[in-house]
């Protein structure tokens, strides 16, 4: 099962929809961890073997530092960041992708394409 850690910038509606679709999602906001540094979020996700969901492109830069371990990051770089648009892009992708394809990888969602790095 894919487990996620939703950064504080992920809309609650997106989190609720993921949970309705039976995804295991822990929310930084709900856990009252807002303001936690990206490095600490990355370590927390790694310890719990969760893939980070975020709109924050700093995570993409952070994982390229030497010896930086992570369980995976999904970076949502859609021009329209409305919850419904994020849901429309994210849910179909997650339903068809296998965990081993995104585990320990950076997945970048942009209009018209998804890059797995």
PDB file of N, CA and C in Angstrom:
ATOM      1  N   UNK A   1       0.843  -1.188   0.000  1.00  0.00           N
ATOM      2  CA  UNK A   1       0.000   0.000   0.000  1.00  0.00           C
ATOM      3  C   UNK A   1       0.886   1.247   0.000  1.00  0.00           C
ATOM      4  N   UNK A   2       0.502   2.208  -0.791  1.00  0.00           N
ATOM      5  CA  UNK A   2       1.235   3.467  -0.843  1.00  0.00           C
ATOM      6  C   UNK A   2       0.780   4.343   0.321  1.00  0.00           C
ATOM      7  N   UNK A   3       1.752   4.858   1.067  1.00  0.00           N
ATOM      8  CA  UNK A   3       1.454   5.769   2.175  1.00  0.00           C
ATOM      9  C   UNK A   3       1.998   7.149   1.819  1.00  0.00           C
ATOM     10  N   UNK A   4       1.228   8.173   2.157  1.00  0.00           N
ATOM     11  CA  UNK A   4       1.606   9.543   1.808  1.00  0.00           C
ATOM     12  C   UNK A   4       1.720  10.420   3.043  1.00  0.00           C
ATOM     13  N   UNK A   5       2.559  11.435   2.920  1.00  0.00           N
ATOM     14  CA  UNK A   5       2.637  12.523   3.882  1.00  0.00           C
ATOM     15  C   UNK A   5       2.318  13.787   3.100  1.00  0.00           C
ATOM     16  N   UNK A   6       1.166  14.372   3.380  1.00  0.00           N
ATOM     17  CA  UNK A   6       0.722  15.571   2.658  1.00  0.00           C
ATOM     18  C   UNK A   6       1.315  16.807   3.316  1.00  0.00           C
ATOM     19  N   UNK A   7       2.078  17.563   2.550  1.00  0.00           N
ATOM     20  CA  UNK A   7       2.652  18.813   3.030  1.00  0.00           C
ATOM     21  C   UNK A   7       1.506  19.760   3.391  1.00  0.00           C
ATOM     22  N   UNK A   8       1.812  20.778   4.172  1.00  0.00           N
ATOM     23  CA  UNK A   8       0.765  21.697   4.632  1.00  0.00           C
ATOM     24  C   UNK A   8       0.113  22.473   3.495  1.00  0.00           C
ATOM     25  N   UNK A   9       0.727  22.486   2.306  1.00  0.00           N
ATOM     26  CA  UNK A   9       0.159  23.223   1.181  1.00  0.00           C
ATOM     27  C   UNK A   9      -0.814  22.381   0.342  1.00  0.00           C
ATOM     28  N   UNK A  10      -1.061  21.159   0.743  1.00  0.00           N
ATOM     29  CA  UNK A  10      -2.018  20.305   0.028  1.00  0.00           C
ATOM     30  C   UNK A  10      -3.410  20.544   0.617  1.00  0.00           C
ATOM     31  N   UNK A  11      -4.344  20.877  -0.245  1.00  0.00           N
ATOM     32  CA  UNK A  11      -5.712  21.190   0.188  1.00  0.00           C
ATOM     33  C   UNK A  11      -6.357  19.994   0.889  1.00  0.00           C
ATOM     34  N   UNK A  12      -7.123  20.293   1.927  1.00  0.00           N
ATOM     35  CA  UNK A  12      -7.785  19.236   2.686  1.00  0.00           C
ATOM     36  C   UNK A  12      -8.721  18.421   1.799  1.00  0.00           C
ATOM     37  N   UNK A  13      -9.325  19.052   0.827  1.00  0.00           N
ATOM     38  CA  UNK A  13     -10.218  18.319  -0.090  1.00  0.00           C
ATOM     39  C   UNK A  13      -9.453  17.238  -0.857  1.00  0.00           C
ATOM     40  N   UNK A  14      -8.209  17.524  -1.221  1.00  0.00           N
ATOM     41  CA  UNK A  14      -7.372  16.525  -1.901  1.00  0.00           C
ATOM     42  C   UNK A  14      -7.088  15.366  -0.940  1.00  0.00           C
ATOM     43  N   UNK A  15      -6.741  15.692   0.287  1.00  0.00           N
ATOM     44  CA  UNK A  15      -6.450  14.668   1.299  1.00  0.00           C
ATOM     45  C   UNK A  15      -7.680  13.798   1.545  1.00  0.00           C
ATOM     46  N   UNK A  16      -8.833  14.428   1.720  1.00  0.00           N
ATOM     47  CA  UNK A  16     -10.083  13.680   1.936  1.00  0.00           C
ATOM     48  C   UNK A  16     -10.376  12.738   0.777  1.00  0.00           C
ATOM     49  N   UNK A  17     -10.193  13.220  -0.441  1.00  0.00           N
ATOM     50  CA  UNK A  17     -10.469  12.394  -1.617  1.00  0.00           C
ATOM     51  C   UNK A  17      -9.515  11.207  -1.675  1.00  0.00           C
ATOM     52  N   UNK A  18      -8.246  11.431  -1.384  1.00  0.00           N
ATOM     53  CA  UNK A  18      -7.290  10.323  -1.359  1.00  0.00           C
ATOM     54  C   UNK A  18      -7.713   9.278  -0.323  1.00  0.00           C
ATOM     55  N   UNK A  19      -8.142   9.729   0.821  1.00  0.00           N
ATOM     56  CA  UNK A  19      -8.598   8.799   1.865  1.00  0.00           C
ATOM     57  C   UNK A  19      -9.854   8.047   1.432  1.00  0.00           C
ATOM     58  N   UNK A  20     -10.771   8.736   0.775  1.00  0.00           N
ATOM     59  CA  UNK A  20     -11.974   8.070   0.259  1.00  0.00           C
ATOM     60  C   UNK A  20     -11.607   6.986  -0.744  1.00  0.00           C
ATOM     61  N   UNK A  21     -10.507   7.200  -1.453  1.00  0.00           N
ATOM     62  CA  UNK A  21     -10.021   6.218  -2.430  1.00  0.00           C
ATOM     63  C   UNK A  21      -9.142   5.154  -1.770  1.00  0.00           C
ATOM     64  N   UNK A  22      -9.116   5.159  -0.435  1.00  0.00           N
ATOM     65  CA  UNK A  22      -8.421   4.153   0.382  1.00  0.00           C
ATOM     66  C   UNK A  22      -6.902   4.307   0.413  1.00  0.00           C
ATOM     67  N   UNK A  23      -6.401   5.504   0.155  1.00  0.00           N
ATOM     68  CA  UNK A  23      -4.974   5.767   0.314  1.00  0.00           C
ATOM     69  C   UNK A  23      -4.722   6.187   1.759  1.00  0.00           C
ATOM     70  N   UNK A  24      -3.591   5.785   2.282  1.00  0.00           N
ATOM     71  CA  UNK A  24      -3.184   6.124   3.643  1.00  0.00           C
ATOM     72  C   UNK A  24      -2.468   7.470   3.589  1.00  0.00           C
ATOM     73  N   UNK A  25      -3.097   8.511   4.121  1.00  0.00           N
ATOM     74  CA  UNK A  25      -2.543   9.868   4.037  1.00  0.00           C
ATOM     75  C   UNK A  25      -2.450  10.482   5.429  1.00  0.00           C
ATOM     76  N   UNK A  26      -1.247  10.905   5.776  1.00  0.00           N
ATOM     77  CA  UNK A  26      -1.002  11.662   6.994  1.00  0.00           C
ATOM     78  C   UNK A  26      -0.787  13.108   6.575  1.00  0.00           C
ATOM     79  N   UNK A  27      -1.412  14.031   7.271  1.00  0.00           N
ATOM     80  CA  UNK A  27      -1.349  15.444   6.908  1.00  0.00           C
ATOM     81  C   UNK A  27      -0.498  16.225   7.906  1.00  0.00           C
ATOM     82  N   UNK A  28       0.470  16.968   7.408  1.00  0.00           N
ATOM     83  CA  UNK A  28       1.290  17.842   8.253  1.00  0.00           C
ATOM     84  C   UNK A  28       0.383  18.800   9.028  1.00  0.00           C
ATOM     85  N   UNK A  29      -0.604  19.360   8.353  1.00  0.00           N
ATOM     86  CA  UNK A  29      -1.512  20.320   8.990  1.00  0.00           C
ATOM     87  C   UNK A  29      -2.315  19.660  10.112  1.00  0.00           C
ATOM     88  N   UNK A  30      -2.905  18.508   9.829  1.00  0.00           N
ATOM     89  CA  UNK A  30      -3.724  17.820  10.834  1.00  0.00           C
ATOM     90  C   UNK A  30      -2.902  17.359  12.034  1.00  0.00           C
ATOM     91  N   UNK A  31      -1.642  17.047  11.784  1.00  0.00           N
ATOM     92  CA  UNK A  31      -0.757  16.613  12.866  1.00  0.00           C
ATOM     93  C   UNK A  31      -0.203  17.797  13.651  1.00  0.00           C
ATOM     94  N   UNK A  32      -0.643  18.999  13.269  1.00  0.00           N
ATOM     95  CA  UNK A  32      -0.211  20.244  13.925  1.00  0.00           C
ATOM     96  C   UNK A  32       1.303  20.440  13.832  1.00  0.00           C
ATOM     97  N   UNK A  33       1.830  20.132  12.649  1.00  0.00           N
ATOM     98  CA  UNK A  33       3.263  20.276  12.397  1.00  0.00           C
ATOM     99  C   UNK A  33       3.548  21.370  11.375  1.00  0.00           C
ATOM    100  N   UNK A  34       2.585  22.248  11.135  1.00  0.00           N
ATOM    101  CA  UNK A  34       2.785  23.345  10.182  1.00  0.00           C
ATOM    102  C   UNK A  34       4.009  24.148  10.593  1.00  0.00           C
ATOM    103  N   UNK A  35       4.783  24.554   9.611  1.00  0.00           N
ATOM    104  CA  UNK A  35       5.989  25.332   9.877  1.00  0.00           C
ATOM    105  C   UNK A  35       7.230  24.471  10.030  1.00  0.00           C
ATOM    106  N   UNK A  36       7.068  23.154  10.038  1.00  0.00           N
ATOM    107  CA  UNK A  36       8.203  22.246  10.129  1.00  0.00           C
ATOM    108  C   UNK A  36       9.084  22.426   8.897  1.00  0.00           C
ATOM    109  N   UNK A  37      10.385  22.404   9.069  1.00  0.00           N
ATOM    110  CA  UNK A  37      11.294  22.604   7.935  1.00  0.00           C
ATOM    111  C   UNK A  37      11.152  21.461   6.929  1.00  0.00           C
ATOM    112  N   UNK A  38      11.483  21.751   5.682  1.00  0.00           N
ATOM    113  CA  UNK A  38      11.422  20.730   4.634  1.00  0.00           C
ATOM    114  C   UNK A  38      12.315  19.542   4.982  1.00  0.00           C
ATOM    115  N   UNK A  39      13.481  19.810   5.553  1.00  0.00           N
ATOM    116  CA  UNK A  39      14.405  18.738   5.929  1.00  0.00           C
ATOM    117  C   UNK A  39      13.774  17.803   6.957  1.00  0.00           C
ATOM    118  N   UNK A  40      13.076  18.369   7.939  1.00  0.00           N
ATOM    119  CA  UNK A  40      12.431  17.548   8.969  1.00  0.00           C
ATOM    120  C   UNK A  40      11.255  16.767   8.392  1.00  0.00           C
ATOM    121  N   UNK A  41      10.531  17.385   7.476  1.00  0.00           N
ATOM    122  CA  UNK A  41       9.428  16.684   6.808  1.00  0.00           C
ATOM    123  C   UNK A  41       9.979  15.510   6.013  1.00  0.00           C
ATOM    124  N   UNK A  42      11.078  15.734   5.315  1.00  0.00           N
ATOM    125  CA  UNK A  42      11.706  14.676   4.525  1.00  0.00           C
ATOM    126  C   UNK A  42      12.144  13.518   5.423  1.00  0.00           C
ATOM    127  N   UNK A  43      12.758  13.832   6.556  1.00  0.00           N
ATOM    128  CA  UNK A  43      13.199  12.785   7.491  1.00  0.00           C
ATOM    129  C   UNK A  43      12.007  12.030   8.082  1.00  0.00           C
ATOM    130  N   UNK A  44      10.964  12.763   8.424  1.00  0.00           N
ATOM    131  CA  UNK A  44       9.756  12.140   8.974  1.00  0.00           C
ATOM    132  C   UNK A  44       9.149  11.167   7.963  1.00  0.00           C
ATOM    133  N   UNK A  45       9.035  11.608   6.733  1.00  0.00           N
ATOM    134  CA  UNK A  45       8.480  10.756   5.675  1.00  0.00           C
ATOM    135  C   UNK A  45       9.360   9.526   5.461  1.00  0.00           C
ATOM    136  N   UNK A  46      10.663   9.705   5.495  1.00  0.00           N
ATOM    137  CA  UNK A  46      11.589   8.584   5.313  1.00  0.00           C
ATOM    138  C   UNK A  46      11.421   7.563   6.444  1.00  0.00           C
ATOM    139  N   UNK A  47      11.359   8.037   7.677  1.00  0.00           N
ATOM    140  CA  UNK A  47      11.195   7.130   8.829  1.00  0.00           C
ATOM    141  C   UNK A  47       9.895   6.328   8.726  1.00  0.00           C
ATOM    142  N   UNK A  48       8.839   6.987   8.261  1.00  0.00           N
ATOM    143  CA  UNK A  48       7.531   6.338   8.181  1.00  0.00           C
ATOM    144  C   UNK A  48       7.278   5.689   6.823  1.00  0.00           C
ATOM    145  N   UNK A  49       8.266   5.765   5.946  1.00  0.00           N
ATOM    146  CA  UNK A  49       8.163   5.194   4.594  1.00  0.00           C
ATOM    147  C   UNK A  49       6.945   5.741   3.850  1.00  0.00           C
ATOM    148  N   UNK A  50       6.832   7.069   3.883  1.00  0.00           N
ATOM    149  CA  UNK A  50       5.735   7.760   3.210  1.00  0.00           C
ATOM    150  C   UNK A  50       6.275   8.593   2.056  1.00  0.00           C
ATOM    151  N   UNK A  51       5.490   8.689   1.010  1.00  0.00           N
ATOM    152  CA  UNK A  51       5.799   9.544  -0.134  1.00  0.00           C
ATOM    153  C   UNK A  51       5.210  10.920   0.147  1.00  0.00           C
ATOM    154  N   UNK A  52       6.012  11.943  -0.037  1.00  0.00           N
ATOM    155  CA  UNK A  52       5.566  13.314   0.232  1.00  0.00           C
ATOM    156  C   UNK A  52       4.745  13.832  -0.943  1.00  0.00           C
ATOM    157  N   UNK A  53       3.599  14.427  -0.645  1.00  0.00           N
ATOM    158  CA  UNK A  53       2.791  15.157  -1.629  1.00  0.00           C
ATOM    159  C   UNK A  53       2.980  16.638  -1.342  1.00  0.00           C
ATOM    160  N   UNK A  54       3.372  17.412  -2.344  1.00  0.00           N
ATOM    161  CA  UNK A  54       3.643  18.824  -2.100  1.00  0.00           C
ATOM    162  C   UNK A  54       3.506  19.659  -3.369  1.00  0.00           C
ATOM    163  N   UNK A  55       3.332  20.946  -3.165  1.00  0.00           N
ATOM    164  CA  UNK A  55       3.417  21.934  -4.249  1.00  0.00           C
ATOM    165  C   UNK A  55       4.757  22.668  -4.175  1.00  0.00           C
ATOM    166  N   UNK A  56       5.555  22.364  -3.173  1.00  0.00           N
ATOM    167  CA  UNK A  56       6.791  23.087  -2.859  1.00  0.00           C
ATOM    168  C   UNK A  56       7.972  22.524  -3.650  1.00  0.00           C
ATOM    169  N   UNK A  57       8.430  23.287  -4.644  1.00  0.00           N
ATOM    170  CA  UNK A  57       9.524  22.806  -5.494  1.00  0.00           C
ATOM    171  C   UNK A  57      10.857  22.709  -4.761  1.00  0.00           C
ATOM    172  N   UNK A  58      10.954  23.290  -3.570  1.00  0.00           N
ATOM    173  CA  UNK A  58      12.195  23.163  -2.794  1.00  0.00           C
ATOM    174  C   UNK A  58      12.512  21.706  -2.469  1.00  0.00           C
ATOM    175  N   UNK A  59      11.503  20.864  -2.368  1.00  0.00           N
ATOM    176  CA  UNK A  59      11.754  19.444  -2.117  1.00  0.00           C
ATOM    177  C   UNK A  59      12.521  18.814  -3.276  1.00  0.00           C
ATOM    178  N   UNK A  60      12.238  19.253  -4.481  1.00  0.00           N
ATOM    179  CA  UNK A  60      12.964  18.745  -5.642  1.00  0.00           C
ATOM    180  C   UNK A  60      14.444  19.052  -5.564  1.00  0.00           C
ATOM    181  N   UNK A  61      14.788  20.220  -5.053  1.00  0.00           N
ATOM    182  CA  UNK A  61      16.192  20.599  -4.886  1.00  0.00           C
ATOM    183  C   UNK A  61      16.818  19.879  -3.698  1.00  0.00           C
ATOM    184  N   UNK A  62      16.059  19.716  -2.651  1.00  0.00           N
ATOM    185  CA  UNK A  62      16.561  19.131  -1.416  1.00  0.00           C
ATOM    186  C   UNK A  62      17.041  17.695  -1.602  1.00  0.00           C
ATOM    187  N   UNK A  63      16.343  16.927  -2.402  1.00  0.00           N
ATOM    188  CA  UNK A  63      16.704  15.512  -2.537  1.00  0.00           C
ATOM    189  C   UNK A  63      17.987  15.300  -3.320  1.00  0.00           C
ATOM    190  N   UNK A  64      18.479  16.331  -3.981  1.00  0.00           N
ATOM    191  CA  UNK A  64      19.721  16.196  -4.740  1.00  0.00           C
ATOM    192  C   UNK A  64      20.956  16.464  -3.895  1.00  0.00           C
ATOM    193  N   UNK A  65      20.760  16.763  -2.620  1.00  0.00           N
ATOM    194  CA  UNK A  65      21.901  16.940  -1.731  1.00  0.00           C
ATOM    195  C   UNK A  65      22.521  15.571  -1.452  1.00  0.00           C
ATOM    196  N   UNK A  66      23.844  15.535  -1.261  1.00  0.00           N
ATOM    197  CA  UNK A  66      24.509  14.245  -1.012  1.00  0.00           C
ATOM    198  C   UNK A  66      23.911  13.518   0.196  1.00  0.00           C
ATOM    199  N   UNK A  67      23.753  12.230   0.046  1.00  0.00           N
ATOM    200  CA  UNK A  67      23.291  11.341   1.116  1.00  0.00           C
ATOM    201  C   UNK A  67      21.887  11.661   1.619  1.00  0.00           C
ATOM    202  N   UNK A  68      21.077  12.318   0.812  1.00  0.00           N
ATOM    203  CA  UNK A  68      19.709  12.653   1.225  1.00  0.00           C
ATOM    204  C   UNK A  68      18.783  11.504   0.853  1.00  0.00           C
ATOM    205  N   UNK A  69      18.314  10.778   1.849  1.00  0.00           N
ATOM    206  CA  UNK A  69      17.421   9.652   1.621  1.00  0.00           C
ATOM    207  C   UNK A  69      15.975  10.125   1.646  1.00  0.00           C
ATOM    208  N   UNK A  70      15.139   9.465   0.875  1.00  0.00           N
ATOM    209  CA  UNK A  70      13.708   9.767   0.886  1.00  0.00           C
ATOM    210  C   UNK A  70      12.951   8.572   0.346  1.00  0.00           C
ATOM    211  N   UNK A  71      11.675   8.518   0.651  1.00  0.00           N
ATOM    212  CA  UNK A  71      10.823   7.426   0.170  1.00  0.00           C
ATOM    213  C   UNK A  71      10.124   7.774  -1.126  1.00  0.00           C
ATOM    214  N   UNK A  72      10.231   9.026  -1.533  1.00  0.00           N
ATOM    215  CA  UNK A  72       9.608   9.491  -2.764  1.00  0.00           C
ATOM    216  C   UNK A  72       8.908  10.819  -2.536  1.00  0.00           C
ATOM    217  N   UNK A  73       8.793  11.574  -3.610  1.00  0.00           N
ATOM    218  CA  UNK A  73       8.140  12.881  -3.553  1.00  0.00           C
ATOM    219  C   UNK A  73       7.288  13.041  -4.800  1.00  0.00           C
ATOM    220  N   UNK A  74       6.058  13.462  -4.616  1.00  0.00           N
ATOM    221  CA  UNK A  74       5.206  13.841  -5.741  1.00  0.00           C
ATOM    222  C   UNK A  74       5.066  15.350  -5.674  1.00  0.00           C
ATOM    223  N   UNK A  75       5.643  16.008  -6.662  1.00  0.00           N
ATOM    224  CA  UNK A  75       5.663  17.467  -6.740  1.00  0.00           C
ATOM    225  C   UNK A  75       4.598  17.909  -7.736  1.00  0.00           C
ATOM    226  N   UNK A  76       3.588  18.591  -7.243  1.00  0.00           N
ATOM    227  CA  UNK A  76       2.458  19.025  -8.066  1.00  0.00           C
ATOM    228  C   UNK A  76       2.731  20.427  -8.584  1.00  0.00           C
ATOM    229  N   UNK A  77       3.130  20.530  -9.847  1.00  0.00           N
ATOM    230  CA  UNK A  77       3.488  21.807 -10.463  1.00  0.00           C
ATOM    231  C   UNK A  77       2.472  22.188 -11.537  1.00  0.00           C
ATOM    232  N   UNK A  78       1.209  21.920 -11.264  1.00  0.00           N
ATOM    233  CA  UNK A  78       0.146  22.251 -12.208  1.00  0.00           C
ATOM    234  C   UNK A  78      -0.117  23.750 -12.170  1.00  0.00           C
ATOM    235  N   UNK A  79      -0.406  24.339 -13.317  1.00  0.00           N
ATOM    236  CA  UNK A  79      -0.725  25.774 -13.348  1.00  0.00           C
ATOM    237  C   UNK A  79      -2.009  26.053 -12.572  1.00  0.00           C
ATOM    238  N   UNK A  80      -2.974  25.177 -12.734  1.00  0.00           N
ATOM    239  CA  UNK A  80      -4.227  25.284 -11.985  1.00  0.00           C
ATOM    240  C   UNK A  80      -4.109  24.364 -10.768  1.00  0.00           C
ATOM    241  N   UNK A  81      -3.837  24.941  -9.609  1.00  0.00           N
ATOM    242  CA  UNK A  81      -3.627  24.161  -8.389  1.00  0.00           C
ATOM    243  C   UNK A  81      -4.915  23.971  -7.583  1.00  0.00           C
ATOM    244  N   UNK A  82      -6.061  24.200  -8.219  1.00  0.00           N
ATOM    245  CA  UNK A  82      -7.322  24.011  -7.494  1.00  0.00           C
ATOM    246  C   UNK A  82      -7.422  22.553  -7.037  1.00  0.00           C
ATOM    247  N   UNK A  83      -8.068  22.324  -5.900  1.00  0.00           N
ATOM    248  CA  UNK A  83      -8.192  20.948  -5.419  1.00  0.00           C
ATOM    249  C   UNK A  83      -8.775  19.994  -6.464  1.00  0.00           C
ATOM    250  N   UNK A  84      -9.816  20.431  -7.176  1.00  0.00           N
ATOM    251  CA  UNK A  84     -10.433  19.537  -8.150  1.00  0.00           C
ATOM    252  C   UNK A  84      -9.473  19.189  -9.284  1.00  0.00           C
ATOM    253  N   UNK A  85      -8.695  20.147  -9.754  1.00  0.00           N
ATOM    254  CA  UNK A  85      -7.735  19.866 -10.820  1.00  0.00           C
ATOM    255  C   UNK A  85      -6.630  18.926 -10.333  1.00  0.00           C
ATOM    256  N   UNK A  86      -6.168  19.138  -9.116  1.00  0.00           N
ATOM    257  CA  UNK A  86      -5.152  18.240  -8.548  1.00  0.00           C
ATOM    258  C   UNK A  86      -5.717  16.825  -8.451  1.00  0.00           C
ATOM    259  N   UNK A  87      -6.932  16.696  -7.948  1.00  0.00           N
ATOM    260  CA  UNK A  87      -7.586  15.390  -7.833  1.00  0.00           C
ATOM    261  C   UNK A  87      -7.717  14.735  -9.204  1.00  0.00           C
ATOM    262  N   UNK A  88      -8.154  15.508 -10.195  1.00  0.00           N
ATOM    263  CA  UNK A  88      -8.351  14.968 -11.545  1.00  0.00           C
ATOM    264  C   UNK A  88      -7.063  14.436 -12.158  1.00  0.00           C
ATOM    265  N   UNK A  89      -5.927  15.009 -11.794  1.00  0.00           N
ATOM    266  CA  UNK A  89      -4.640  14.540 -12.310  1.00  0.00           C
ATOM    267  C   UNK A  89      -4.048  13.418 -11.451  1.00  0.00           C
ATOM    268  N   UNK A  90      -4.163  13.560 -10.152  1.00  0.00           N
ATOM    269  CA  UNK A  90      -3.459  12.676  -9.230  1.00  0.00           C
ATOM    270  C   UNK A  90      -4.105  11.305  -9.070  1.00  0.00           C
ATOM    271  N   UNK A  91      -5.403  11.252  -8.869  1.00  0.00           N
ATOM    272  CA  UNK A  91      -6.082   9.983  -8.571  1.00  0.00           C
ATOM    273  C   UNK A  91      -5.912   8.957  -9.697  1.00  0.00           C
ATOM    274  N   UNK A  92      -6.169   9.303 -10.957  1.00  0.00           N
ATOM    275  CA  UNK A  92      -5.982   8.298 -12.011  1.00  0.00           C
ATOM    276  C   UNK A  92      -4.543   7.773 -12.074  1.00  0.00           C
ATOM    277  N   UNK A  93      -3.584   8.654 -11.882  1.00  0.00           N
ATOM    278  CA  UNK A  93      -2.178   8.253 -11.886  1.00  0.00           C
ATOM    279  C   UNK A  93      -1.905   7.260 -10.754  1.00  0.00           C
ATOM    280  N   UNK A  94      -2.351   7.576  -9.550  1.00  0.00           N
ATOM    281  CA  UNK A  94      -2.077   6.715  -8.402  1.00  0.00           C
ATOM    282  C   UNK A  94      -2.777   5.367  -8.506  1.00  0.00           C
ATOM    283  N   UNK A  95      -3.918   5.332  -9.163  1.00  0.00           N
ATOM    284  CA  UNK A  95      -4.647   4.072  -9.303  1.00  0.00           C
ATOM    285  C   UNK A  95      -3.953   3.113 -10.264  1.00  0.00           C
ATOM    286  N   UNK A  96      -3.180   3.655 -11.199  1.00  0.00           N
ATOM    287  CA  UNK A  96      -2.568   2.765 -12.187  1.00  0.00           C
ATOM    288  C   UNK A  96      -1.077   2.523 -11.972  1.00  0.00           C
ATOM    289  N   UNK A  97      -0.410   3.370 -11.182  1.00  0.00           N
ATOM    290  CA  UNK A  97       1.034   3.239 -11.019  1.00  0.00           C
ATOM    291  C   UNK A  97       1.355   2.201  -9.942  1.00  0.00           C
ATOM    292  N   UNK A  98       2.441   1.488 -10.135  1.00  0.00           N
ATOM    293  CA  UNK A  98       2.909   0.546  -9.123  1.00  0.00           C
ATOM    294  C   UNK A  98       3.864   1.266  -8.188  1.00  0.00           C
ATOM    295  N   UNK A  99       3.798   0.908  -6.930  1.00  0.00           N
ATOM    296  CA  UNK A  99       4.609   1.558  -5.903  1.00  0.00           C
ATOM    297  C   UNK A  99       6.088   1.570  -6.266  1.00  0.00           C
ATOM    298  N   UNK A 100       6.600   0.483  -6.803  1.00  0.00           N
ATOM    299  CA  UNK A 100       8.036   0.423  -7.101  1.00  0.00           C
ATOM    300  C   UNK A 100       8.458   1.411  -8.187  1.00  0.00           C
ATOM    301  N   UNK A 101       7.516   1.926  -8.949  1.00  0.00           N
ATOM    302  CA  UNK A 101       7.833   2.922  -9.986  1.00  0.00           C
ATOM    303  C   UNK A 101       8.051   4.316  -9.413  1.00  0.00           C
ATOM    304  N   UNK A 102       7.459   4.588  -8.241  1.00  0.00           N
ATOM    305  CA  UNK A 102       7.590   5.935  -7.669  1.00  0.00           C
ATOM    306  C   UNK A 102       8.324   5.952  -6.331  1.00  0.00           C
ATOM    307  N   UNK A 103       8.533   4.787  -5.746  1.00  0.00           N
ATOM    308  CA  UNK A 103       9.242   4.731  -4.469  1.00  0.00           C
ATOM    309  C   UNK A 103      10.665   5.246  -4.657  1.00  0.00           C
ATOM    310  N   UNK A 104      11.087   6.125  -3.767  1.00  0.00           N
ATOM    311  CA  UNK A 104      12.429   6.730  -3.796  1.00  0.00           C
ATOM    312  C   UNK A 104      12.673   7.587  -5.036  1.00  0.00           C
ATOM    313  N   UNK A 105      11.628   8.025  -5.684  1.00  0.00           N
ATOM    314  CA  UNK A 105      11.767   8.832  -6.899  1.00  0.00           C
ATOM    315  C   UNK A 105      11.072  10.175  -6.714  1.00  0.00           C
ATOM    316  N   UNK A 106      11.416  11.099  -7.583  1.00  0.00           N
ATOM    317  CA  UNK A 106      10.732  12.389  -7.658  1.00  0.00           C
ATOM    318  C   UNK A 106       9.781  12.322  -8.842  1.00  0.00           C
ATOM    319  N   UNK A 107       8.497  12.541  -8.575  1.00  0.00           N
ATOM    320  CA  UNK A 107       7.479  12.549  -9.624  1.00  0.00           C
ATOM    321  C   UNK A 107       6.995  13.989  -9.755  1.00  0.00           C
ATOM    322  N   UNK A 108       7.140  14.549 -10.958  1.00  0.00           N
ATOM    323  CA  UNK A 108       6.758  15.942 -11.188  1.00  0.00           C
ATOM    324  C   UNK A 108       5.541  15.972 -12.111  1.00  0.00           C
ATOM    325  N   UNK A 109       4.430  16.502 -11.589  1.00  0.00           N
ATOM    326  CA  UNK A 109       3.213  16.681 -12.377  1.00  0.00           C
ATOM    327  C   UNK A 109       3.229  18.077 -12.968  1.00  0.00           C
ATOM    328  N   UNK A 110       3.108  18.161 -14.285  1.00  0.00           N
ATOM    329  CA  UNK A 110       2.950  19.435 -14.976  1.00  0.00           C
ATOM    330  C   UNK A 110       1.830  19.261 -15.987  1.00  0.00           C
ATOM    331  N   UNK A 111       1.345  20.373 -16.518  1.00  0.00           N
ATOM    332  CA  UNK A 111       0.290  20.293 -17.521  1.00  0.00           C
ATOM    333  C   UNK A 111       0.761  19.395 -18.671  1.00  0.00           C
ATOM    334  N   UNK A 112      -0.001  18.367 -18.940  1.00  0.00           N
ATOM    335  CA  UNK A 112       0.264  17.523 -20.094  1.00  0.00           C
ATOM    336  C   UNK A 112       1.377  16.509 -19.937  1.00  0.00           C
ATOM    337  N   UNK A 113       2.052  16.465 -18.785  1.00  0.00           N
ATOM    338  CA  UNK A 113       3.098  15.454 -18.643  1.00  0.00           C
ATOM    339  C   UNK A 113       3.411  15.160 -17.178  1.00  0.00           C
ATOM    340  N   UNK A 114       3.921  13.955 -17.000  1.00  0.00           N
ATOM    341  CA  UNK A 114       4.376  13.507 -15.689  1.00  0.00           C
ATOM    342  C   UNK A 114       5.790  12.986 -15.880  1.00  0.00           C
ATOM    343  N   UNK A 115       6.714  13.530 -15.098  1.00  0.00           N
ATOM    344  CA  UNK A 115       8.106  13.066 -15.174  1.00  0.00           C
ATOM    345  C   UNK A 115       8.438  12.292 -13.902  1.00  0.00           C
ATOM    346  N   UNK A 116       9.061  11.139 -14.073  1.00  0.00           N
ATOM    347  CA  UNK A 116       9.545  10.355 -12.940  1.00  0.00           C
ATOM    348  C   UNK A 116      11.060  10.367 -13.023  1.00  0.00           C
ATOM    349  N   UNK A 117      11.670  10.984 -12.013  1.00  0.00           N
ATOM    350  CA  UNK A 117      13.119  11.209 -12.037  1.00  0.00           C
ATOM    351  C   UNK A 117      13.777  10.341 -10.970  1.00  0.00           C
TER     352      UNK A 117
END
